[in-house]
Amino acid sequence: MNNQYANSVSHDDRLWAMLAHLSAAIAAIVSVGWLTIVGPLLVWVFKKDSSRFVRTAAAGAFNFTITMWLITLIGWILTVTVIGAVVGIPMIIIGSIGSIVLGVWGAIKAWGGNAFTYPWQVRVLS
């Protein structure tokens, strides 16, 4: 969905797309990153057939969030080994901050009716 279609996206679709992006950012803060994949996945499951805009936003949010979640998990594993803490701690920080900052950015774009593509994604949902 290009920015030229921003006016054709309904208010309801913009709201659901915004929630898909924001749910990961909120969960990153509330659950210390462990539940970030739940919100985008739920939006995708329940709204994937009703709107292409919401489906794309939720899938992108989930794919990016699962990528950040994996980076954070590997970071924690490396940090526990002590030797890998030098690499692990930055991975945890990147995974956490990436979910929050880009999730909010995606939510702002979605609320404006514009598609947002995350920079790093392991494509699981489409």
Protein backbone atom coordinates (compact mmCIF):
# COMPACT_ATOMS: atom_id res chain seq x y z
CA MET A 1 0.00 0.00 0.00
CA ASN A 2 1.58 3.25 -1.11
CA ASN A 3 1.25 6.63 0.55
CA GLN A 4 -0.95 7.78 -2.33
CA TYR A 5 -3.72 5.55 -0.94
CA ALA A 6 -3.68 7.14 2.50
CA ASN A 7 -7.12 8.69 2.03
CA SER A 8 -8.73 5.38 1.04
CA VAL A 9 -7.87 3.60 4.31
CA SER A 10 -10.80 3.61 6.74
CA HIS A 11 -10.56 4.91 10.28
CA ASP A 12 -11.14 1.40 11.64
CA ASP A 13 -8.33 -0.03 9.52
CA ARG A 14 -5.94 2.72 10.59
CA LEU A 15 -6.82 2.04 14.24
CA TRP A 16 -6.20 -1.72 13.96
CA ALA A 17 -2.94 -1.21 12.07
CA MET A 18 -1.80 1.30 14.69
CA LEU A 19 -2.65 -1.19 17.46
CA ALA A 20 -0.65 -3.92 15.72
CA HIS A 21 2.42 -1.68 15.77
CA LEU A 22 1.87 -0.23 19.25
CA SER A 23 1.05 -3.53 20.93
CA ALA A 24 4.60 -4.74 20.40
CA ALA A 25 6.07 -1.49 21.72
CA ILE A 26 3.85 -1.53 24.82
CA ALA A 27 4.58 -5.21 25.48
CA ALA A 28 8.31 -4.52 25.14
CA ILE A 29 8.03 -2.13 28.07
CA VAL A 30 5.51 -4.05 30.19
CA SER A 31 6.90 -7.59 29.75
CA VAL A 32 10.57 -6.71 29.30
CA GLY A 33 10.30 -7.90 25.72
CA TRP A 34 8.98 -11.41 26.25
CA LEU A 35 5.39 -10.89 25.08
CA THR A 36 5.99 -8.54 22.17
CA ILE A 37 4.88 -11.05 19.54
CA VAL A 38 1.42 -11.59 21.04
CA GLY A 39 -0.28 -8.30 20.07
CA PRO A 40 0.66 -8.21 16.39
CA LEU A 41 -0.14 -11.92 16.08
CA LEU A 42 -3.62 -11.45 17.58
CA VAL A 43 -4.37 -8.51 15.29
CA TRP A 44 -3.19 -10.56 12.30
CA VAL A 45 -5.29 -13.61 13.29
CA PHE A 46 -8.50 -11.65 13.83
CA LYS A 47 -8.22 -8.97 11.15
CA LYS A 48 -6.19 -10.59 8.33
CA ASP A 49 -9.22 -11.31 6.17
CA SER A 50 -11.01 -8.00 6.66
CA SER A 51 -8.36 -5.55 5.44
CA ARG A 52 -5.21 -5.81 3.36
CA PHE A 53 -3.82 -2.69 5.07
CA VAL A 54 -4.28 -4.19 8.57
CA ARG A 55 -2.99 -7.59 7.45
CA THR A 56 0.19 -6.06 6.03
CA ALA A 57 0.73 -3.89 9.11
CA ALA A 58 0.16 -6.76 11.56
CA ALA A 59 2.34 -9.18 9.58
CA GLY A 60 5.13 -6.62 9.33
CA ALA A 61 4.90 -5.82 13.04
CA PHE A 62 4.95 -9.52 13.92
CA ASN A 63 7.83 -10.33 11.58
CA PHE A 64 9.93 -7.45 12.89
CA THR A 65 9.01 -8.22 16.49
CA ILE A 66 9.94 -11.89 16.17
CA THR A 67 13.29 -10.78 14.72
CA MET A 68 13.90 -8.40 17.65
CA TRP A 69 12.69 -11.07 20.08
CA LEU A 70 15.21 -13.57 18.69
CA ILE A 71 18.02 -11.01 18.88
CA THR A 72 17.09 -10.27 22.49
CA LEU A 73 16.89 -13.98 23.36
CA ILE A 74 20.31 -14.65 21.86
CA GLY A 75 21.61 -11.61 23.71
CA TRP A 76 20.32 -12.99 27.03
CA ILE A 77 21.87 -16.39 26.33
CA LEU A 78 25.22 -14.78 25.51
CA THR A 79 25.02 -12.56 28.60
CA VAL A 80 24.43 -15.56 30.87
CA THR A 81 27.58 -17.17 29.56
CA VAL A 82 29.51 -14.11 30.87
CA ILE A 83 32.08 -14.42 28.08
CA GLY A 84 29.43 -13.32 25.59
CA ALA A 85 28.20 -10.41 27.72
CA VAL A 86 30.16 -7.94 25.60
CA VAL A 87 28.06 -8.95 22.60
CA GLY A 88 24.92 -10.02 24.48
CA ILE A 89 24.15 -6.78 26.31
CA PRO A 90 24.18 -4.64 23.14
CA MET A 91 21.93 -7.25 21.47
CA ILE A 92 19.43 -6.97 24.33
CA ILE A 93 19.48 -3.19 24.07
CA ILE A 94 19.08 -3.21 20.28
CA GLY A 95 16.22 -5.72 20.46
CA SER A 96 14.36 -3.80 23.15
CA ILE A 97 14.85 -0.30 21.80
CA GLY A 98 14.21 -1.45 18.23
CA SER A 99 10.81 -2.87 19.20
CA ILE A 100 9.81 0.28 21.02
CA VAL A 101 11.09 2.99 18.66
CA LEU A 102 10.15 1.37 15.37
CA GLY A 103 6.82 0.14 16.79
CA VAL A 104 5.87 3.71 17.69
CA TRP A 105 7.10 4.98 14.33
CA GLY A 106 5.02 2.32 12.55
CA ALA A 107 1.97 3.25 14.63
CA ILE A 108 2.30 6.92 13.69
CA LYS A 109 2.60 6.05 10.00
CA ALA A 110 -0.37 3.63 10.19
CA TRP A 111 -2.55 6.19 11.94
CA GLY A 112 -1.85 8.53 9.03
CA GLY A 113 -3.01 5.80 6.64
CA ASN A 114 0.48 5.10 5.32
CA ALA A 115 2.12 1.71 5.04
CA PHE A 116 5.25 1.16 7.13
CA THR A 117 7.93 -1.39 6.28
CA TYR A 118 10.27 -2.43 9.06
CA PRO A 119 13.98 -2.49 8.16
CA TRP A 120 14.78 -6.00 9.46
CA GLN A 121 12.36 -8.88 9.32
CA VAL A 122 12.37 -12.64 9.43
CA ARG A 123 9.38 -13.26 7.16
CA VAL A 124 7.03 -15.58 9.02
CA LEU A 125 3.64 -14.02 8.26
CA SER A 126 2.55 -12.29 5.09
